[in-house]
Amino acid sequence: MRFILELIIMALAVMLAAYLLPGVEVRGFWSALLAAVLIAFMNTILGGILRILTFPINILTLGLMSFIITVLMIMLVDSMMDSFNSNGFWTTALFAIVLALVKMIFGKILEPSRD
C-alpha cells in the first residue's frame, strides 16, 4: 500500500512541477503516473549502477554527481515518452529540484507521527 501511495505522490509531484515550470509538459494524470514509474525505475536501476561507477567523482563533487545522474535519468524518460517533455538540461534540473521539494513536502504531510 505504501508503494502505491508513493507512486501517486510522485505522479502528483510530476504534475505540479510541470505546472510550475514553463519548459516541462505532461499530458494528464496517467502520463504523469507513467513518468513517475519510469523515473523511479530508471533512477533505481540505471541510476544506481551509474552512482556506483561514479562514486569517486561523487565524493569529490560532494554529491553533485548524484544530482546530475538524476537529471540524466529524467531526460532519458523524456526521450522515451511522447506525453512527457522537458526543454533541455537546465529546465530538467529545475524540474528535478521542484520534484524533490514537492515530494519532501508531500512526504512530511503524509508521514505518520512518531510520538
PDB file of N, CA and C in Angstrom:
ATOM      1  N   MET A   1       0.825  -1.188   0.000  1.00  0.00           N
ATOM      2  CA  MET A   1       0.000   0.000   0.000  1.00  0.00           C
ATOM      3  C   MET A   1       0.870   1.253   0.000  1.00  0.00           C
ATOM      4  N   ARG A   2       1.957   1.194   0.755  1.00  0.00           N
ATOM      5  CA  ARG A   2       2.857   2.357   0.834  1.00  0.00           C
ATOM      6  C   ARG A   2       3.484   2.651  -0.527  1.00  0.00           C
ATOM      7  N   PHE A   3       3.812   1.600  -1.300  1.00  0.00           N
ATOM      8  CA  PHE A   3       4.403   1.763  -2.609  1.00  0.00           C
ATOM      9  C   PHE A   3       3.450   2.481  -3.563  1.00  0.00           C
ATOM     10  N   ILE A   4       2.188   2.096  -3.548  1.00  0.00           N
ATOM     11  CA  ILE A   4       1.185   2.725  -4.404  1.00  0.00           C
ATOM     12  C   ILE A   4       0.999   4.184  -4.016  1.00  0.00           C
ATOM     13  N   LEU A   5       0.973   4.460  -2.719  1.00  0.00           N
ATOM     14  CA  LEU A   5       0.854   5.834  -2.245  1.00  0.00           C
ATOM     15  C   LEU A   5       2.064   6.671  -2.677  1.00  0.00           C
ATOM     16  N   GLU A   6       3.245   6.084  -2.623  1.00  0.00           N
ATOM     17  CA  GLU A   6       4.454   6.789  -3.077  1.00  0.00           C
ATOM     18  C   GLU A   6       4.382   7.104  -4.567  1.00  0.00           C
ATOM     19  N   LEU A   7       3.877   6.170  -5.366  1.00  0.00           N
ATOM     20  CA  LEU A   7       3.750   6.417  -6.800  1.00  0.00           C
ATOM     21  C   LEU A   7       2.732   7.513  -7.094  1.00  0.00           C
ATOM     22  N   ILE A   8       1.633   7.518  -6.373  1.00  0.00           N
ATOM     23  CA  ILE A   8       0.629   8.564  -6.570  1.00  0.00           C
ATOM     24  C   ILE A   8       1.184   9.922  -6.155  1.00  0.00           C
ATOM     25  N   ILE A   9       1.926   9.954  -5.059  1.00  0.00           N
ATOM     26  CA  ILE A   9       2.567  11.202  -4.631  1.00  0.00           C
ATOM     27  C   ILE A   9       3.563  11.667  -5.681  1.00  0.00           C
ATOM     28  N   MET A  10       4.324  10.746  -6.229  1.00  0.00           N
ATOM     29  CA  MET A  10       5.295  11.096  -7.271  1.00  0.00           C
ATOM     30  C   MET A  10       4.580  11.623  -8.513  1.00  0.00           C
ATOM     31  N   ALA A  11       3.467  10.997  -8.896  1.00  0.00           N
ATOM     32  CA  ALA A  11       2.708  11.469 -10.058  1.00  0.00           C
ATOM     33  C   ALA A  11       2.155  12.873  -9.815  1.00  0.00           C
ATOM     34  N   LEU A  12       1.639  13.118  -8.612  1.00  0.00           N
ATOM     35  CA  LEU A  12       1.159  14.461  -8.282  1.00  0.00           C
ATOM     36  C   LEU A  12       2.300  15.471  -8.278  1.00  0.00           C
ATOM     37  N   ALA A  13       3.464  15.037  -7.806  1.00  0.00           N
ATOM     38  CA  ALA A  13       4.639  15.922  -7.820  1.00  0.00           C
ATOM     39  C   ALA A  13       5.071  16.225  -9.249  1.00  0.00           C
ATOM     40  N   VAL A  14       5.016  15.234 -10.138  1.00  0.00           N
ATOM     41  CA  VAL A  14       5.345  15.460 -11.546  1.00  0.00           C
ATOM     42  C   VAL A  14       4.371  16.449 -12.160  1.00  0.00           C
ATOM     43  N   MET A  15       3.081  16.288 -11.875  1.00  0.00           N
ATOM     44  CA  MET A  15       2.078  17.201 -12.420  1.00  0.00           C
ATOM     45  C   MET A  15       2.272  18.618 -11.886  1.00  0.00           C
ATOM     46  N   LEU A  16       2.523  18.752 -10.598  1.00  0.00           N
ATOM     47  CA  LEU A  16       2.708  20.075 -10.008  1.00  0.00           C
ATOM     48  C   LEU A  16       3.981  20.736 -10.526  1.00  0.00           C
ATOM     49  N   ALA A  17       5.061  19.979 -10.630  1.00  0.00           N
ATOM     50  CA  ALA A  17       6.311  20.540 -11.150  1.00  0.00           C
ATOM     51  C   ALA A  17       6.154  20.941 -12.615  1.00  0.00           C
ATOM     52  N   ALA A  18       5.419  20.157 -13.390  1.00  0.00           N
ATOM     53  CA  ALA A  18       5.173  20.509 -14.789  1.00  0.00           C
ATOM     54  C   ALA A  18       4.302  21.752 -14.890  1.00  0.00           C
ATOM     55  N   TYR A  19       3.387  21.917 -13.950  1.00  0.00           N
ATOM     56  CA  TYR A  19       2.534  23.103 -13.938  1.00  0.00           C
ATOM     57  C   TYR A  19       3.345  24.349 -13.571  1.00  0.00           C
ATOM     58  N   LEU A  20       4.279  24.208 -12.654  1.00  0.00           N
ATOM     59  CA  LEU A  20       5.057  25.359 -12.180  1.00  0.00           C
ATOM     60  C   LEU A  20       6.144  25.790 -13.159  1.00  0.00           C
ATOM     61  N   LEU A  21       6.712  24.863 -13.901  1.00  0.00           N
ATOM     62  CA  LEU A  21       7.818  25.181 -14.803  1.00  0.00           C
ATOM     63  C   LEU A  21       7.314  25.300 -16.236  1.00  0.00           C
ATOM     64  N   PRO A  22       7.640  26.406 -16.909  1.00  0.00           N
ATOM     65  CA  PRO A  22       7.118  26.601 -18.269  1.00  0.00           C
ATOM     66  C   PRO A  22       7.725  25.675 -19.316  1.00  0.00           C
ATOM     67  N   GLY A  23       8.895  25.103 -19.103  1.00  0.00           N
ATOM     68  CA  GLY A  23       9.529  24.266 -20.111  1.00  0.00           C
ATOM     69  C   GLY A  23       9.218  22.789 -20.003  1.00  0.00           C
ATOM     70  N   VAL A  24       8.335  22.410 -19.067  1.00  0.00           N
ATOM     71  CA  VAL A  24       8.012  20.996 -18.855  1.00  0.00           C
ATOM     72  C   VAL A  24       6.529  20.798 -19.145  1.00  0.00           C
ATOM     73  N   GLU A  25       6.228  19.731 -19.887  1.00  0.00           N
ATOM     74  CA  GLU A  25       4.845  19.450 -20.265  1.00  0.00           C
ATOM     75  C   GLU A  25       4.521  17.990 -19.984  1.00  0.00           C
ATOM     76  N   VAL A  26       3.379  17.772 -19.357  1.00  0.00           N
ATOM     77  CA  VAL A  26       2.884  16.413 -19.135  1.00  0.00           C
ATOM     78  C   VAL A  26       1.402  16.424 -19.506  1.00  0.00           C
ATOM     79  N   ARG A  27       0.959  15.394 -20.202  1.00  0.00           N
ATOM     80  CA  ARG A  27      -0.411  15.348 -20.712  1.00  0.00           C
ATOM     81  C   ARG A  27      -1.304  14.464 -19.855  1.00  0.00           C
ATOM     82  N   GLY A  28      -1.715  14.973 -18.712  1.00  0.00           N
ATOM     83  CA  GLY A  28      -2.675  14.266 -17.890  1.00  0.00           C
ATOM     84  C   GLY A  28      -2.054  13.444 -16.774  1.00  0.00           C
ATOM     85  N   PHE A  29      -2.949  12.943 -15.907  1.00  0.00           N
ATOM     86  CA  PHE A  29      -2.505  12.203 -14.730  1.00  0.00           C
ATOM     87  C   PHE A  29      -1.860  10.885 -15.087  1.00  0.00           C
ATOM     88  N   TRP A  30      -2.411  10.157 -16.072  1.00  0.00           N
ATOM     89  CA  TRP A  30      -1.862   8.840 -16.408  1.00  0.00           C
ATOM     90  C   TRP A  30      -0.469   8.961 -17.010  1.00  0.00           C
ATOM     91  N   SER A  31      -0.242  10.028 -17.771  1.00  0.00           N
ATOM     92  CA  SER A  31       1.106  10.275 -18.287  1.00  0.00           C
ATOM     93  C   SER A  31       2.060  10.621 -17.153  1.00  0.00           C
ATOM     94  N   ALA A  32       1.569  11.385 -16.187  1.00  0.00           N
ATOM     95  CA  ALA A  32       2.394  11.724 -15.024  1.00  0.00           C
ATOM     96  C   ALA A  32       2.698  10.475 -14.201  1.00  0.00           C
ATOM     97  N   LEU A  33       1.717   9.594 -14.068  1.00  0.00           N
ATOM     98  CA  LEU A  33       1.933   8.353 -13.324  1.00  0.00           C
ATOM     99  C   LEU A  33       2.949   7.459 -14.042  1.00  0.00           C
ATOM    100  N   LEU A  34       2.834   7.352 -15.362  1.00  0.00           N
ATOM    101  CA  LEU A  34       3.796   6.565 -16.128  1.00  0.00           C
ATOM    102  C   LEU A  34       5.186   7.188 -16.034  1.00  0.00           C
ATOM    103  N   ALA A  35       5.255   8.518 -16.123  1.00  0.00           N
ATOM    104  CA  ALA A  35       6.551   9.200 -15.985  1.00  0.00           C
ATOM    105  C   ALA A  35       7.138   8.955 -14.597  1.00  0.00           C
ATOM    106  N   ALA A  36       6.304   8.998 -13.568  1.00  0.00           N
ATOM    107  CA  ALA A  36       6.778   8.750 -12.203  1.00  0.00           C
ATOM    108  C   ALA A  36       7.326   7.336 -12.055  1.00  0.00           C
ATOM    109  N   VAL A  37       6.622   6.359 -12.616  1.00  0.00           N
ATOM    110  CA  VAL A  37       7.080   4.965 -12.547  1.00  0.00           C
ATOM    111  C   VAL A  37       8.399   4.806 -13.294  1.00  0.00           C
ATOM    112  N   LEU A  38       8.483   5.392 -14.488  1.00  0.00           N
ATOM    113  CA  LEU A  38       9.713   5.268 -15.271  1.00  0.00           C
ATOM    114  C   LEU A  38      10.883   6.002 -14.626  1.00  0.00           C
ATOM    115  N   ILE A  39      10.632   7.189 -14.066  1.00  0.00           N
ATOM    116  CA  ILE A  39      11.694   7.923 -13.382  1.00  0.00           C
ATOM    117  C   ILE A  39      12.197   7.121 -12.183  1.00  0.00           C
ATOM    118  N   ALA A  40      11.273   6.568 -11.407  1.00  0.00           N
ATOM    119  CA  ALA A  40      11.667   5.763 -10.243  1.00  0.00           C
ATOM    120  C   ALA A  40      12.453   4.526 -10.675  1.00  0.00           C
ATOM    121  N   PHE A  41      11.983   3.862 -11.723  1.00  0.00           N
ATOM    122  CA  PHE A  41      12.661   2.653 -12.210  1.00  0.00           C
ATOM    123  C   PHE A  41      14.053   2.974 -12.742  1.00  0.00           C
ATOM    124  N   MET A  42      14.141   3.986 -13.602  1.00  0.00           N
ATOM    125  CA  MET A  42      15.442   4.354 -14.177  1.00  0.00           C
ATOM    126  C   MET A  42      16.409   4.838 -13.103  1.00  0.00           C
ATOM    127  N   ASN A  43      15.890   5.610 -12.152  1.00  0.00           N
ATOM    128  CA  ASN A  43      16.744   6.124 -11.093  1.00  0.00           C
ATOM    129  C   ASN A  43      17.234   4.998 -10.181  1.00  0.00           C
ATOM    130  N   THR A  44      16.416   3.987 -10.003  1.00  0.00           N
ATOM    131  CA  THR A  44      16.805   2.872  -9.141  1.00  0.00           C
ATOM    132  C   THR A  44      17.801   1.944  -9.838  1.00  0.00           C
ATOM    133  N   ILE A  45      17.478   1.522 -11.046  1.00  0.00           N
ATOM    134  CA  ILE A  45      18.305   0.522 -11.727  1.00  0.00           C
ATOM    135  C   ILE A  45      19.525   1.170 -12.384  1.00  0.00           C
ATOM    136  N   LEU A  46      19.295   1.938 -13.419  1.00  0.00           N
ATOM    137  CA  LEU A  46      20.401   2.527 -14.169  1.00  0.00           C
ATOM    138  C   LEU A  46      21.129   3.592 -13.355  1.00  0.00           C
ATOM    139  N   GLY A  47      20.363   4.400 -12.614  1.00  0.00           N
ATOM    140  CA  GLY A  47      20.984   5.420 -11.772  1.00  0.00           C
ATOM    141  C   GLY A  47      21.844   4.818 -10.683  1.00  0.00           C
ATOM    142  N   GLY A  48      21.396   3.701 -10.118  1.00  0.00           N
ATOM    143  CA  GLY A  48      22.186   3.016  -9.094  1.00  0.00           C
ATOM    144  C   GLY A  48      23.511   2.506  -9.634  1.00  0.00           C
ATOM    145  N   ILE A  49      23.462   1.931 -10.836  1.00  0.00           N
ATOM    146  CA  ILE A  49      24.694   1.457 -11.464  1.00  0.00           C
ATOM    147  C   ILE A  49      25.635   2.627 -11.744  1.00  0.00           C
ATOM    148  N   LEU A  50      25.092   3.722 -12.268  1.00  0.00           N
ATOM    149  CA  LEU A  50      25.929   4.894 -12.558  1.00  0.00           C
ATOM    150  C   LEU A  50      26.497   5.520 -11.287  1.00  0.00           C
ATOM    151  N   ARG A  51      25.717   5.492 -10.199  1.00  0.00           N
ATOM    152  CA  ARG A  51      26.223   6.045  -8.934  1.00  0.00           C
ATOM    153  C   ARG A  51      27.385   5.207  -8.385  1.00  0.00           C
ATOM    154  N   ILE A  52      27.300   3.901  -8.571  1.00  0.00           N
ATOM    155  CA  ILE A  52      28.404   3.042  -8.137  1.00  0.00           C
ATOM    156  C   ILE A  52      29.652   3.317  -8.976  1.00  0.00           C
ATOM    157  N   LEU A  53      29.466   3.445 -10.282  1.00  0.00           N
ATOM    158  CA  LEU A  53      30.606   3.691 -11.169  1.00  0.00           C
ATOM    159  C   LEU A  53      31.240   5.062 -10.962  1.00  0.00           C
ATOM    160  N   THR A  54      30.438   6.044 -10.565  1.00  0.00           N
ATOM    161  CA  THR A  54      30.950   7.411 -10.397  1.00  0.00           C
ATOM    162  C   THR A  54      31.153   7.777  -8.931  1.00  0.00           C
ATOM    163  N   PHE A  55      31.276   6.783  -8.078  1.00  0.00           N
ATOM    164  CA  PHE A  55      31.420   7.037  -6.644  1.00  0.00           C
ATOM    165  C   PHE A  55      32.591   7.957  -6.299  1.00  0.00           C
ATOM    166  N   PRO A  56      33.783   7.764  -6.861  1.00  0.00           N
ATOM    167  CA  PRO A  56      34.878   8.690  -6.523  1.00  0.00           C
ATOM    168  C   PRO A  56      34.596  10.138  -6.945  1.00  0.00           C
ATOM    169  N   ILE A  57      34.000  10.309  -8.131  1.00  0.00           N
ATOM    170  CA  ILE A  57      33.654  11.657  -8.584  1.00  0.00           C
ATOM    171  C   ILE A  57      32.570  12.250  -7.686  1.00  0.00           C
ATOM    172  N   ASN A  58      31.644  11.407  -7.245  1.00  0.00           N
ATOM    173  CA  ASN A  58      30.577  11.854  -6.361  1.00  0.00           C
ATOM    174  C   ASN A  58      31.136  12.366  -5.038  1.00  0.00           C
ATOM    175  N   ILE A  59      32.149  11.717  -4.525  1.00  0.00           N
ATOM    176  CA  ILE A  59      32.781  12.181  -3.285  1.00  0.00           C
ATOM    177  C   ILE A  59      33.473  13.520  -3.517  1.00  0.00           C
ATOM    178  N   LEU A  60      34.179  13.636  -4.627  1.00  0.00           N
ATOM    179  CA  LEU A  60      34.895  14.879  -4.924  1.00  0.00           C
ATOM    180  C   LEU A  60      33.957  16.061  -5.156  1.00  0.00           C
ATOM    181  N   THR A  61      32.790  15.799  -5.729  1.00  0.00           N
ATOM    182  CA  THR A  61      31.842  16.878  -6.012  1.00  0.00           C
ATOM    183  C   THR A  61      30.799  17.053  -4.907  1.00  0.00           C
ATOM    184  N   LEU A  62      30.973  16.359  -3.793  1.00  0.00           N
ATOM    185  CA  LEU A  62      30.074  16.451  -2.637  1.00  0.00           C
ATOM    186  C   LEU A  62      28.615  16.148  -2.984  1.00  0.00           C
ATOM    187  N   GLY A  63      28.415  15.144  -3.823  1.00  0.00           N
ATOM    188  CA  GLY A  63      27.077  14.678  -4.146  1.00  0.00           C
ATOM    189  C   GLY A  63      26.461  15.297  -5.378  1.00  0.00           C
ATOM    190  N   LEU A  64      27.121  16.242  -6.004  1.00  0.00           N
ATOM    191  CA  LEU A  64      26.572  16.881  -7.196  1.00  0.00           C
ATOM    192  C   LEU A  64      26.414  15.880  -8.341  1.00  0.00           C
ATOM    193  N   MET A  65      27.282  14.901  -8.402  1.00  0.00           N
ATOM    194  CA  MET A  65      27.200  13.900  -9.469  1.00  0.00           C
ATOM    195  C   MET A  65      25.903  13.095  -9.366  1.00  0.00           C
ATOM    196  N   SER A  66      25.439  12.818  -8.157  1.00  0.00           N
ATOM    197  CA  SER A  66      24.165  12.108  -7.995  1.00  0.00           C
ATOM    198  C   SER A  66      23.012  12.927  -8.548  1.00  0.00           C
ATOM    199  N   PHE A  67      23.056  14.233  -8.326  1.00  0.00           N
ATOM    200  CA  PHE A  67      22.016  15.106  -8.870  1.00  0.00           C
ATOM    201  C   PHE A  67      22.058  15.105 -10.393  1.00  0.00           C
ATOM    202  N   ILE A  68      23.248  15.167 -10.966  1.00  0.00           N
ATOM    203  CA  ILE A  68      23.379  15.146 -12.421  1.00  0.00           C
ATOM    204  C   ILE A  68      22.865  13.825 -12.990  1.00  0.00           C
ATOM    205  N   ILE A  69      23.127  12.723 -12.305  1.00  0.00           N
ATOM    206  CA  ILE A  69      22.616  11.424 -12.746  1.00  0.00           C
ATOM    207  C   ILE A  69      21.091  11.408 -12.697  1.00  0.00           C
ATOM    208  N   THR A  70      20.508  11.988 -11.660  1.00  0.00           N
ATOM    209  CA  THR A  70      19.051  12.068 -11.574  1.00  0.00           C
ATOM    210  C   THR A  70      18.487  12.880 -12.733  1.00  0.00           C
ATOM    211  N   VAL A  71      19.111  13.998 -13.054  1.00  0.00           N
ATOM    212  CA  VAL A  71      18.666  14.820 -14.185  1.00  0.00           C
ATOM    213  C   VAL A  71      18.776  14.033 -15.486  1.00  0.00           C
ATOM    214  N   LEU A  72      19.853  13.299 -15.652  1.00  0.00           N
ATOM    215  CA  LEU A  72      20.014  12.488 -16.862  1.00  0.00           C
ATOM    216  C   LEU A  72      18.964  11.382 -16.950  1.00  0.00           C
ATOM    217  N   MET A  73      18.574  10.811 -15.818  1.00  0.00           N
ATOM    218  CA  MET A  73      17.531   9.782 -15.827  1.00  0.00           C
ATOM    219  C   MET A  73      16.183  10.394 -16.231  1.00  0.00           C
ATOM    220  N   ILE A  74      15.901  11.609 -15.764  1.00  0.00           N
ATOM    221  CA  ILE A  74      14.659  12.288 -16.159  1.00  0.00           C
ATOM    222  C   ILE A  74      14.697  12.607 -17.643  1.00  0.00           C
ATOM    223  N   MET A  75      15.859  13.020 -18.151  1.00  0.00           N
ATOM    224  CA  MET A  75      15.982  13.289 -19.589  1.00  0.00           C
ATOM    225  C   MET A  75      15.814  12.005 -20.404  1.00  0.00           C
ATOM    226  N   LEU A  76      16.266  10.871 -19.870  1.00  0.00           N
ATOM    227  CA  LEU A  76      16.074   9.587 -20.544  1.00  0.00           C
ATOM    228  C   LEU A  76      14.590   9.239 -20.615  1.00  0.00           C
ATOM    229  N   VAL A  77      13.871   9.447 -19.518  1.00  0.00           N
ATOM    230  CA  VAL A  77      12.422   9.202 -19.513  1.00  0.00           C
ATOM    231  C   VAL A  77      11.735  10.146 -20.494  1.00  0.00           C
ATOM    232  N   ASP A  78      12.197  11.388 -20.563  1.00  0.00           N
ATOM    233  CA  ASP A  78      11.650  12.350 -21.517  1.00  0.00           C
ATOM    234  C   ASP A  78      11.808  11.845 -22.951  1.00  0.00           C
ATOM    235  N   SER A  79      12.947  11.257 -23.257  1.00  0.00           N
ATOM    236  CA  SER A  79      13.159  10.755 -24.612  1.00  0.00           C
ATOM    237  C   SER A  79      12.343   9.491 -24.897  1.00  0.00           C
ATOM    238  N   MET A  80      11.934   8.771 -23.852  1.00  0.00           N
ATOM    239  CA  MET A  80      11.158   7.545 -24.026  1.00  0.00           C
ATOM    240  C   MET A  80       9.668   7.815 -24.199  1.00  0.00           C
ATOM    241  N   MET A  81       9.183   8.933 -23.678  1.00  0.00           N
ATOM    242  CA  MET A  81       7.745   9.212 -23.675  1.00  0.00           C
ATOM    243  C   MET A  81       7.420  10.394 -24.575  1.00  0.00           C
ATOM    244  N   ASP A  82       6.300  10.294 -25.302  1.00  0.00           N
ATOM    245  CA  ASP A  82       5.818  11.425 -26.093  1.00  0.00           C
ATOM    246  C   ASP A  82       4.968  12.374 -25.266  1.00  0.00           C
ATOM    247  N   SER A  83       4.363  11.867 -24.197  1.00  0.00           N
ATOM    248  CA  SER A  83       3.444  12.678 -23.401  1.00  0.00           C
ATOM    249  C   SER A  83       4.122  13.383 -22.227  1.00  0.00           C
ATOM    250  N   PHE A  84       5.438  13.282 -22.127  1.00  0.00           N
ATOM    251  CA  PHE A  84       6.218  13.972 -21.103  1.00  0.00           C
ATOM    252  C   PHE A  84       7.408  14.619 -21.788  1.00  0.00           C
ATOM    253  N   ASN A  85       7.483  15.948 -21.731  1.00  0.00           N
ATOM    254  CA  ASN A  85       8.543  16.667 -22.433  1.00  0.00           C
ATOM    255  C   ASN A  85       9.171  17.709 -21.526  1.00  0.00           C
ATOM    256  N   SER A  86      10.471  17.833 -21.618  1.00  0.00           N
ATOM    257  CA  SER A  86      11.193  18.912 -20.948  1.00  0.00           C
ATOM    258  C   SER A  86      12.174  19.512 -21.942  1.00  0.00           C
ATOM    259  N   ASN A  87      12.410  20.800 -21.799  1.00  0.00           N
ATOM    260  CA  ASN A  87      13.236  21.526 -22.768  1.00  0.00           C
ATOM    261  C   ASN A  87      14.642  21.740 -22.229  1.00  0.00           C
ATOM    262  N   GLY A  88      15.531  20.794 -22.450  1.00  0.00           N
ATOM    263  CA  GLY A  88      16.930  20.982 -22.128  1.00  0.00           C
ATOM    264  C   GLY A  88      17.348  20.578 -20.731  1.00  0.00           C
ATOM    265  N   PHE A  89      18.660  20.656 -20.522  1.00  0.00           N
ATOM    266  CA  PHE A  89      19.255  20.207 -19.265  1.00  0.00           C
ATOM    267  C   PHE A  89      18.847  21.086 -18.092  1.00  0.00           C
ATOM    268  N   TRP A  90      18.908  22.403 -18.260  1.00  0.00           N
ATOM    269  CA  TRP A  90      18.640  23.302 -17.128  1.00  0.00           C
ATOM    270  C   TRP A  90      17.174  23.266 -16.706  1.00  0.00           C
ATOM    271  N   THR A  91      16.279  23.156 -17.665  1.00  0.00           N
ATOM    272  CA  THR A  91      14.861  23.016 -17.320  1.00  0.00           C
ATOM    273  C   THR A  91      14.625  21.707 -16.584  1.00  0.00           C
ATOM    274  N   THR A  92      15.281  20.646 -17.032  1.00  0.00           N
ATOM    275  CA  THR A  92      15.153  19.353 -16.367  1.00  0.00           C
ATOM    276  C   THR A  92      15.775  19.393 -14.975  1.00  0.00           C
ATOM    277  N   ALA A  93      16.868  20.140 -14.815  1.00  0.00           N
ATOM    278  CA  ALA A  93      17.485  20.280 -13.495  1.00  0.00           C
ATOM    279  C   ALA A  93      16.536  21.008 -12.542  1.00  0.00           C
ATOM    280  N   LEU A  94      15.889  22.080 -13.019  1.00  0.00           N
ATOM    281  CA  LEU A  94      14.893  22.767 -12.188  1.00  0.00           C
ATOM    282  C   LEU A  94      13.713  21.853 -11.881  1.00  0.00           C
ATOM    283  N   PHE A  95      13.309  21.061 -12.865  1.00  0.00           N
ATOM    284  CA  PHE A  95      12.237  20.090 -12.659  1.00  0.00           C
ATOM    285  C   PHE A  95      12.608  19.093 -11.568  1.00  0.00           C
ATOM    286  N   ALA A  96      13.844  18.601 -11.578  1.00  0.00           N
ATOM    287  CA  ALA A  96      14.302  17.651 -10.556  1.00  0.00           C
ATOM    288  C   ALA A  96      14.299  18.296  -9.171  1.00  0.00           C
ATOM    289  N   ILE A  97      14.694  19.572  -9.084  1.00  0.00           N
ATOM    290  CA  ILE A  97      14.687  20.272  -7.794  1.00  0.00           C
ATOM    291  C   ILE A  97      13.263  20.451  -7.289  1.00  0.00           C
ATOM    292  N   VAL A  98      12.367  20.924  -8.163  1.00  0.00           N
ATOM    293  CA  VAL A  98      10.970  21.115  -7.766  1.00  0.00           C
ATOM    294  C   VAL A  98      10.339  19.783  -7.400  1.00  0.00           C
ATOM    295  N   LEU A  99      10.645  18.742  -8.160  1.00  0.00           N
ATOM    296  CA  LEU A  99      10.122  17.404  -7.877  1.00  0.00           C
ATOM    297  C   LEU A  99      10.561  16.922  -6.498  1.00  0.00           C
ATOM    298  N   ALA A 100      11.821  17.122  -6.176  1.00  0.00           N
ATOM    299  CA  ALA A 100      12.332  16.710  -4.861  1.00  0.00           C
ATOM    300  C   ALA A 100      11.676  17.511  -3.735  1.00  0.00           C
ATOM    301  N   LEU A 101      11.502  18.819  -3.936  1.00  0.00           N
ATOM    302  CA  LEU A 101      10.862  19.641  -2.906  1.00  0.00           C
ATOM    303  C   LEU A 101       9.403  19.262  -2.694  1.00  0.00           C
ATOM    304  N   VAL A 102       8.679  19.045  -3.792  1.00  0.00           N
ATOM    305  CA  VAL A 102       7.262  18.667  -3.675  1.00  0.00           C
ATOM    306  C   VAL A 102       7.128  17.302  -3.018  1.00  0.00           C
ATOM    307  N   LYS A 103       7.990  16.347  -3.399  1.00  0.00           N
ATOM    308  CA  LYS A 103       7.958  15.024  -2.758  1.00  0.00           C
ATOM    309  C   LYS A 103       8.266  15.122  -1.271  1.00  0.00           C
ATOM    310  N   MET A 104       9.197  15.993  -0.902  1.00  0.00           N
ATOM    311  CA  MET A 104       9.538  16.170   0.502  1.00  0.00           C
ATOM    312  C   MET A 104       8.355  16.746   1.284  1.00  0.00           C
ATOM    313  N   ILE A 105       7.681  17.739   0.702  1.00  0.00           N
ATOM    314  CA  ILE A 105       6.525  18.345   1.372  1.00  0.00           C
ATOM    315  C   ILE A 105       5.394  17.339   1.513  1.00  0.00           C
ATOM    316  N   PHE A 106       5.065  16.616   0.421  1.00  0.00           N
ATOM    317  CA  PHE A 106       4.021  15.592   0.493  1.00  0.00           C
ATOM    318  C   PHE A 106       4.398  14.497   1.483  1.00  0.00           C
ATOM    319  N   GLY A 107       5.668  14.121   1.506  1.00  0.00           N
ATOM    320  CA  GLY A 107       6.118  13.089   2.433  1.00  0.00           C
ATOM    321  C   GLY A 107       5.974  13.507   3.880  1.00  0.00           C
ATOM    322  N   LYS A 108       6.272  14.775   4.181  1.00  0.00           N
ATOM    323  CA  LYS A 108       6.126  15.275   5.553  1.00  0.00           C
ATOM    324  C   LYS A 108       4.667  15.371   5.966  1.00  0.00           C
ATOM    325  N   ILE A 109       3.799  15.742   5.016  1.00  0.00           N
ATOM    326  CA  ILE A 109       2.383  15.864   5.340  1.00  0.00           C
ATOM    327  C   ILE A 109       1.773  14.498   5.608  1.00  0.00           C
ATOM    328  N   LEU A 110       2.124  13.507   4.795  1.00  0.00           N
ATOM    329  CA  LEU A 110       1.516  12.176   4.905  1.00  0.00           C
ATOM    330  C   LEU A 110       2.256  11.231   5.822  1.00  0.00           C
ATOM    331  N   GLU A 111       3.391  11.663   6.377  1.00  0.00           N
ATOM    332  CA  GLU A 111       4.167  10.812   7.273  1.00  0.00           C
ATOM    333  C   GLU A 111       3.425  10.645   8.611  1.00  0.00           C
ATOM    334  N   PRO A 112       3.311   9.416   9.079  1.00  0.00           N
ATOM    335  CA  PRO A 112       2.666   9.233  10.374  1.00  0.00           C
ATOM    336  C   PRO A 112       3.525   9.802  11.495  1.00  0.00           C
ATOM    337  N   SER A 113       2.870  10.368  12.489  1.00  0.00           N
ATOM    338  CA  SER A 113       3.624  10.965  13.608  1.00  0.00           C
ATOM    339  C   SER A 113       4.256   9.861  14.444  1.00  0.00           C
ATOM    340  N   ARG A 114       5.455  10.138  14.938  1.00  0.00           N
ATOM    341  CA  ARG A 114       6.188   9.148  15.736  1.00  0.00           C
ATOM    342  C   ARG A 114       6.349   9.685  17.152  1.00  0.00           C
ATOM    343  N   ASP A 115       5.269   9.773  17.839  1.00  0.00           N
ATOM    344  CA  ASP A 115       5.291  10.285  19.225  1.00  0.00           C
ATOM    345  C   ASP A 115       5.483   9.183  20.231  1.00  0.00           C
TER     346      ASP A 115
END
